[in-house]
Amino acid sequence: METQYVKERVYTPWGQPDTKMIHSEGIMFYSTPGHGGFKVSRELNLKIPEYMRRAGGWYEEDCEWSIVAMAFPDKFEPKDVESARNTFRNWFPDEYEKFFGVKLKEGESWTRDDAIFYKSNKDKLLGIAAWGDWHKTVPEGMVGVCAVIGSKAEDRKYSDSDEHYLLVPEKEYENRSRDFVFEDPSRYQKWEPHA
């Protein structure tokens, strides 16, 4: 594939592109200073199942590129198709199940596991940031944790007033499986990180 510099004015969802590559007939890759992705021709885009199809044929490079590779595996290298399948499964579990006619199990898709985690912890305090005892206000053997209610953590819609700062014993914090869940916040000492 030959990379060409873009001189003409071209619209992409990520801004004016610097370069473009013809990936294959009907599939172009555009790169901008901040992001990039595939542009699939109208004819090919209509061949992508509607539940996976993106308007205008634009598929960003981080996750949505996997949709293009799943729809047209013959236009990608086998190693890229395998990588795309993993990305597709992790980021688009509903579409993956429908496309392949399977049911994913817990642990097979990051976004599905996240949804389950947040749903089961929507009313609990969840750790969103942590500082070790290297921080000047965290006592030795402890971890300072900033926590918010799970539903706000999931949406990332919280303000400073929603944040709770608590100290957690280092060993307890290290034994978490993912975000620290405060089952009983009253067990933990309040912490002032800006003292």
C-alpha atoms as a PDB file:
ATOM      1  CA  MET A   1       0.000   0.000   0.000  1.00  0.00           C
ATOM      2  CA  GLU A   2       1.323   3.377  -0.955  1.00  0.00           C
ATOM      3  CA  THR A   3       0.871   6.316   1.389  1.00  0.00           C
ATOM      4  CA  GLN A   4      -0.093   9.533  -0.345  1.00  0.00           C
ATOM      5  CA  TYR A   5      -0.151  13.026   1.100  1.00  0.00           C
ATOM      6  CA  VAL A   6      -3.588  14.620   0.878  1.00  0.00           C
ATOM      7  CA  LYS A   7      -3.569  17.961  -0.916  1.00  0.00           C
ATOM      8  CA  GLU A   8      -7.269  18.329  -1.664  1.00  0.00           C
ATOM      9  CA  ARG A   9      -9.868  19.283   0.951  1.00  0.00           C
ATOM     10  CA  VAL A  10     -11.322  16.029   2.333  1.00  0.00           C
ATOM     11  CA  TYR A  11     -13.854  15.621   5.123  1.00  0.00           C
ATOM     12  CA  THR A  12     -13.197  12.978   7.797  1.00  0.00           C
ATOM     13  CA  PRO A  13     -14.843  12.753  11.241  1.00  0.00           C
ATOM     14  CA  TRP A  14     -11.376  13.462  12.692  1.00  0.00           C
ATOM     15  CA  GLY A  15     -10.521  16.563  10.702  1.00  0.00           C
ATOM     16  CA  GLN A  16      -8.458  17.290   7.603  1.00  0.00           C
ATOM     17  CA  PRO A  17      -6.281  14.262   6.774  1.00  0.00           C
ATOM     18  CA  ASP A  18      -2.525  14.432   6.214  1.00  0.00           C
ATOM     19  CA  THR A  19      -2.232  11.111   4.423  1.00  0.00           C
ATOM     20  CA  LYS A  20      -4.332   8.443   2.754  1.00  0.00           C
ATOM     21  CA  MET A  21      -3.669   4.851   1.763  1.00  0.00           C
ATOM     22  CA  ILE A  22      -5.629   2.691  -0.603  1.00  0.00           C
ATOM     23  CA  HIS A  23      -6.120  -0.378   1.578  1.00  0.00           C
ATOM     24  CA  SER A  24      -7.997  -2.277  -1.125  1.00  0.00           C
ATOM     25  CA  GLU A  25     -10.606  -1.499  -3.714  1.00  0.00           C
ATOM     26  CA  GLY A  26     -13.360   0.454  -1.972  1.00  0.00           C
ATOM     27  CA  ILE A  27     -11.472   0.789   1.322  1.00  0.00           C
ATOM     28  CA  MET A  28      -9.280   3.822   2.022  1.00  0.00           C
ATOM     29  CA  PHE A  29      -7.369   4.640   5.207  1.00  0.00           C
ATOM     30  CA  TYR A  30      -7.040   8.298   6.252  1.00  0.00           C
ATOM     31  CA  SER A  31      -4.692   9.654   8.898  1.00  0.00           C
ATOM     32  CA  THR A  32      -5.084  13.031  10.622  1.00  0.00           C
ATOM     33  CA  PRO A  33      -2.837  14.678  13.242  1.00  0.00           C
ATOM     34  CA  GLY A  34      -5.088  13.396  16.042  1.00  0.00           C
ATOM     35  CA  HIS A  35      -6.771  10.240  14.780  1.00  0.00           C
ATOM     36  CA  GLY A  36      -7.757   8.347  11.683  1.00  0.00           C
ATOM     37  CA  GLY A  37      -9.638   5.449  10.254  1.00  0.00           C
ATOM     38  CA  PHE A  38     -11.117   3.656   7.291  1.00  0.00           C
ATOM     39  CA  LYS A  39     -13.484   5.094   4.723  1.00  0.00           C
ATOM     40  CA  VAL A  40     -15.507   2.317   3.116  1.00  0.00           C
ATOM     41  CA  SER A  41     -17.177   3.029  -0.222  1.00  0.00           C
ATOM     42  CA  ARG A  42     -20.950   3.321  -0.246  1.00  0.00           C
ATOM     43  CA  GLU A  43     -21.272   0.082  -2.212  1.00  0.00           C
ATOM     44  CA  LEU A  44     -19.153  -1.916   0.258  1.00  0.00           C
ATOM     45  CA  ASN A  45     -20.646  -0.206   3.302  1.00  0.00           C
ATOM     46  CA  LEU A  46     -24.079  -1.485   2.288  1.00  0.00           C
ATOM     47  CA  LYS A  47     -22.666  -5.025   2.457  1.00  0.00           C
ATOM     48  CA  ILE A  48     -21.804  -4.610   6.137  1.00  0.00           C
ATOM     49  CA  PRO A  49     -24.699  -5.851   8.312  1.00  0.00           C
ATOM     50  CA  GLU A  50     -26.884  -2.917   9.336  1.00  0.00           C
ATOM     51  CA  TYR A  51     -26.373  -3.549  13.065  1.00  0.00           C
ATOM     52  CA  MET A  52     -22.603  -3.044  12.543  1.00  0.00           C
ATOM     53  CA  ARG A  53     -22.663  -0.406   9.801  1.00  0.00           C
ATOM     54  CA  ARG A  54     -21.457   3.132  10.476  1.00  0.00           C
ATOM     55  CA  ALA A  55     -23.054   6.121   8.787  1.00  0.00           C
ATOM     56  CA  GLY A  56     -21.096   7.488   5.869  1.00  0.00           C
ATOM     57  CA  GLY A  57     -18.755   4.482   5.839  1.00  0.00           C
ATOM     58  CA  TRP A  58     -16.331   5.950   8.403  1.00  0.00           C
ATOM     59  CA  TYR A  59     -14.725   3.498  10.883  1.00  0.00           C
ATOM     60  CA  GLU A  60     -12.250   4.883  13.413  1.00  0.00           C
ATOM     61  CA  GLU A  61      -8.855   3.230  13.781  1.00  0.00           C
ATOM     62  CA  ASP A  62      -8.909   2.092  17.433  1.00  0.00           C
ATOM     63  CA  CYS A  63     -11.947  -0.185  17.605  1.00  0.00           C
ATOM     64  CA  GLU A  64     -14.298   0.243  14.643  1.00  0.00           C
ATOM     65  CA  TRP A  65     -11.645  -0.872  12.149  1.00  0.00           C
ATOM     66  CA  SER A  66     -12.412  -4.379  13.419  1.00  0.00           C
ATOM     67  CA  ILE A  67     -15.885  -4.127  11.889  1.00  0.00           C
ATOM     68  CA  VAL A  68     -14.350  -3.563   8.454  1.00  0.00           C
ATOM     69  CA  ALA A  69     -12.003  -6.519   8.904  1.00  0.00           C
ATOM     70  CA  MET A  70     -14.833  -8.803  10.067  1.00  0.00           C
ATOM     71  CA  ALA A  71     -17.019  -7.803   7.118  1.00  0.00           C
ATOM     72  CA  PHE A  72     -14.194  -8.159   4.559  1.00  0.00           C
ATOM     73  CA  PRO A  73     -11.618 -10.601   5.981  1.00  0.00           C
ATOM     74  CA  ASP A  74     -10.287 -11.352   2.488  1.00  0.00           C
ATOM     75  CA  LYS A  75      -9.065  -7.729   2.284  1.00  0.00           C
ATOM     76  CA  PHE A  76      -6.829  -8.049   5.387  1.00  0.00           C
ATOM     77  CA  GLU A  77      -3.811 -10.139   6.361  1.00  0.00           C
ATOM     78  CA  PRO A  78      -4.717 -13.238   8.448  1.00  0.00           C
ATOM     79  CA  LYS A  79      -2.872 -11.889  11.523  1.00  0.00           C
ATOM     80  CA  ASP A  80      -4.827  -8.625  11.227  1.00  0.00           C
ATOM     81  CA  VAL A  81      -8.118 -10.533  10.954  1.00  0.00           C
ATOM     82  CA  GLU A  82      -7.311 -12.381  14.196  1.00  0.00           C
ATOM     83  CA  SER A  83      -6.432  -9.107  15.924  1.00  0.00           C
ATOM     84  CA  ALA A  84      -9.638  -7.562  14.562  1.00  0.00           C
ATOM     85  CA  ARG A  85     -11.698 -10.480  15.867  1.00  0.00           C
ATOM     86  CA  ASN A  86     -10.323  -9.908  19.382  1.00  0.00           C
ATOM     87  CA  THR A  87     -10.998  -6.175  19.160  1.00  0.00           C
ATOM     88  CA  PHE A  88     -14.498  -6.785  17.807  1.00  0.00           C
ATOM     89  CA  ARG A  89     -15.295  -9.257  20.600  1.00  0.00           C
ATOM     90  CA  ASN A  90     -13.971  -6.964  23.328  1.00  0.00           C
ATOM     91  CA  TRP A  91     -15.516  -3.681  22.181  1.00  0.00           C
ATOM     92  CA  PHE A  92     -18.693  -4.761  20.380  1.00  0.00           C
ATOM     93  CA  PRO A  93     -19.900  -7.905  22.200  1.00  0.00           C
ATOM     94  CA  ASP A  94     -23.554  -7.650  21.103  1.00  0.00           C
ATOM     95  CA  GLU A  95     -22.584  -7.289  17.441  1.00  0.00           C
ATOM     96  CA  TYR A  96     -19.985 -10.068  17.820  1.00  0.00           C
ATOM     97  CA  GLU A  97     -22.604 -12.488  19.170  1.00  0.00           C
ATOM     98  CA  LYS A  98     -25.027 -11.689  16.374  1.00  0.00           C
ATOM     99  CA  PHE A  99     -22.374 -11.830  13.638  1.00  0.00           C
ATOM    100  CA  PHE A 100     -20.896 -15.168  14.741  1.00  0.00           C
ATOM    101  CA  GLY A 101     -24.068 -16.691  16.223  1.00  0.00           C
ATOM    102  CA  VAL A 102     -22.464 -17.312  19.625  1.00  0.00           C
ATOM    103  CA  LYS A 103     -23.077 -16.313  23.247  1.00  0.00           C
ATOM    104  CA  LEU A 104     -20.070 -14.833  25.026  1.00  0.00           C
ATOM    105  CA  LYS A 105     -19.248 -15.959  28.542  1.00  0.00           C
ATOM    106  CA  GLU A 106     -18.102 -13.749  31.386  1.00  0.00           C
ATOM    107  CA  GLY A 107     -14.462 -12.869  30.878  1.00  0.00           C
ATOM    108  CA  GLU A 108     -14.625 -12.952  27.065  1.00  0.00           C
ATOM    109  CA  SER A 109     -15.359  -9.256  26.450  1.00  0.00           C
ATOM    110  CA  TRP A 110     -13.981  -6.258  28.332  1.00  0.00           C
ATOM    111  CA  THR A 111     -16.934  -3.998  27.645  1.00  0.00           C
ATOM    112  CA  ARG A 112     -19.452  -6.695  28.552  1.00  0.00           C
ATOM    113  CA  ASP A 113     -17.581  -7.393  31.794  1.00  0.00           C
ATOM    114  CA  ASP A 114     -17.474  -3.652  32.537  1.00  0.00           C
ATOM    115  CA  ALA A 115     -21.229  -3.373  32.038  1.00  0.00           C
ATOM    116  CA  ILE A 116     -21.857  -6.312  34.403  1.00  0.00           C
ATOM    117  CA  PHE A 117     -19.439  -4.884  36.986  1.00  0.00           C
ATOM    118  CA  TYR A 118     -20.964  -1.409  36.975  1.00  0.00           C
ATOM    119  CA  LYS A 119     -24.528  -2.739  37.036  1.00  0.00           C
ATOM    120  CA  SER A 120     -23.812  -4.878  40.084  1.00  0.00           C
ATOM    121  CA  ASN A 121     -21.986  -2.010  41.829  1.00  0.00           C
ATOM    122  CA  LYS A 122     -24.032   1.004  40.689  1.00  0.00           C
ATOM    123  CA  ASP A 123     -24.845   2.124  44.274  1.00  0.00           C
ATOM    124  CA  LYS A 124     -21.447   1.416  45.845  1.00  0.00           C
ATOM    125  CA  LEU A 125     -18.366   3.584  46.118  1.00  0.00           C
ATOM    126  CA  LEU A 126     -15.786   2.577  43.511  1.00  0.00           C
ATOM    127  CA  GLY A 127     -12.154   3.607  43.443  1.00  0.00           C
ATOM    128  CA  ILE A 128     -11.318   5.772  40.425  1.00  0.00           C
ATOM    129  CA  ALA A 129      -7.777   6.844  41.409  1.00  0.00           C
ATOM    130  CA  ALA A 130      -5.187   5.770  43.960  1.00  0.00           C
ATOM    131  CA  TRP A 131      -1.963   7.009  45.535  1.00  0.00           C
ATOM    132  CA  GLY A 132       0.621   4.903  47.351  1.00  0.00           C
ATOM    133  CA  ASP A 133       2.456   5.803  50.521  1.00  0.00           C
ATOM    134  CA  TRP A 134       4.932   7.740  48.392  1.00  0.00           C
ATOM    135  CA  HIS A 135       2.313  10.542  48.485  1.00  0.00           C
ATOM    136  CA  LYS A 136       3.113  12.981  51.293  1.00  0.00           C
ATOM    137  CA  THR A 137      -0.286  12.529  53.000  1.00  0.00           C
ATOM    138  CA  VAL A 138      -0.636   8.727  52.680  1.00  0.00           C
ATOM    139  CA  PRO A 139       0.641   6.822  55.732  1.00  0.00           C
ATOM    140  CA  GLU A 140       3.076   3.947  55.234  1.00  0.00           C
ATOM    141  CA  GLY A 141       1.349   0.669  54.338  1.00  0.00           C
ATOM    142  CA  MET A 142      -1.776   2.433  53.110  1.00  0.00           C
ATOM    143  CA  VAL A 143      -3.239   3.485  49.758  1.00  0.00           C
ATOM    144  CA  GLY A 144      -5.176   6.714  49.357  1.00  0.00           C
ATOM    145  CA  VAL A 145      -8.213   6.116  47.154  1.00  0.00           C
ATOM    146  CA  CYS A 146     -10.557   8.567  45.470  1.00  0.00           C
ATOM    147  CA  ALA A 147     -13.989   6.960  45.058  1.00  0.00           C
ATOM    148  CA  VAL A 148     -17.350   7.902  43.570  1.00  0.00           C
ATOM    149  CA  ILE A 149     -20.718   6.155  43.398  1.00  0.00           C
ATOM    150  CA  GLY A 150     -20.583   3.404  40.758  1.00  0.00           C
ATOM    151  CA  SER A 151     -23.217   4.833  38.436  1.00  0.00           C
ATOM    152  CA  LYS A 152     -21.293   8.121  38.255  1.00  0.00           C
ATOM    153  CA  ALA A 153     -18.001   6.273  37.795  1.00  0.00           C
ATOM    154  CA  GLU A 154     -19.445   4.321  34.868  1.00  0.00           C
ATOM    155  CA  ASP A 155     -20.671   7.448  33.090  1.00  0.00           C
ATOM    156  CA  ARG A 156     -17.644   9.466  34.211  1.00  0.00           C
ATOM    157  CA  LYS A 157     -20.115  12.174  35.155  1.00  0.00           C
ATOM    158  CA  TYR A 158     -19.112  13.413  38.559  1.00  0.00           C
ATOM    159  CA  SER A 159     -17.832  16.583  40.128  1.00  0.00           C
ATOM    160  CA  ASP A 160     -15.388  17.241  42.938  1.00  0.00           C
ATOM    161  CA  SER A 161     -18.281  17.180  45.396  1.00  0.00           C
ATOM    162  CA  ASP A 162     -19.043  13.556  44.427  1.00  0.00           C
ATOM    163  CA  GLU A 163     -15.533  12.389  45.335  1.00  0.00           C
ATOM    164  CA  HIS A 164     -14.750  10.555  48.583  1.00  0.00           C
ATOM    165  CA  TYR A 165     -11.165  10.119  49.777  1.00  0.00           C
ATOM    166  CA  LEU A 166     -10.434   7.085  51.929  1.00  0.00           C
ATOM    167  CA  LEU A 167      -7.395   5.159  53.150  1.00  0.00           C
ATOM    168  CA  VAL A 168      -7.207   1.433  52.392  1.00  0.00           C
ATOM    169  CA  PRO A 169      -4.594  -0.984  53.765  1.00  0.00           C
ATOM    170  CA  GLU A 170      -2.090  -1.711  50.990  1.00  0.00           C
ATOM    171  CA  LYS A 171      -2.542  -5.512  51.159  1.00  0.00           C
ATOM    172  CA  GLU A 172      -6.320  -5.195  50.888  1.00  0.00           C
ATOM    173  CA  TYR A 173      -5.999  -2.834  47.939  1.00  0.00           C
ATOM    174  CA  GLU A 174      -3.552  -5.161  46.150  1.00  0.00           C
ATOM    175  CA  ASN A 175      -5.998  -8.085  46.437  1.00  0.00           C
ATOM    176  CA  ARG A 176      -8.733  -6.365  44.411  1.00  0.00           C
ATOM    177  CA  SER A 177      -9.704  -8.001  41.119  1.00  0.00           C
ATOM    178  CA  ARG A 178     -10.328  -4.674  39.361  1.00  0.00           C
ATOM    179  CA  ASP A 179     -11.653  -1.285  40.587  1.00  0.00           C
ATOM    180  CA  PHE A 180     -11.687  -1.207  44.383  1.00  0.00           C
ATOM    181  CA  VAL A 181     -15.250  -1.643  45.684  1.00  0.00           C
ATOM    182  CA  PHE A 182     -16.054  -0.150  49.090  1.00  0.00           C
ATOM    183  CA  GLU A 183     -18.626  -2.658  50.378  1.00  0.00           C
ATOM    184  CA  ASP A 184     -18.707  -0.846  53.735  1.00  0.00           C
ATOM    185  CA  PRO A 185     -17.124   2.630  53.466  1.00  0.00           C
ATOM    186  CA  SER A 186     -17.486   3.183  57.235  1.00  0.00           C
ATOM    187  CA  ARG A 187     -14.646   0.653  57.750  1.00  0.00           C
ATOM    188  CA  TYR A 188     -12.155   3.071  56.170  1.00  0.00           C
ATOM    189  CA  GLN A 189     -10.554   6.206  57.502  1.00  0.00           C
ATOM    190  CA  LYS A 190     -11.290   9.425  55.614  1.00  0.00           C
ATOM    191  CA  TRP A 191      -8.282  10.950  53.925  1.00  0.00           C
ATOM    192  CA  GLU A 192      -7.420  14.507  52.926  1.00  0.00           C
ATOM    193  CA  PRO A 193      -5.036  14.345  49.951  1.00  0.00           C
ATOM    194  CA  HIS A 194      -4.476  18.100  49.760  1.00  0.00           C
ATOM    195  CA  ALA A 195      -3.493  18.656  53.414  1.00  0.00           C
END
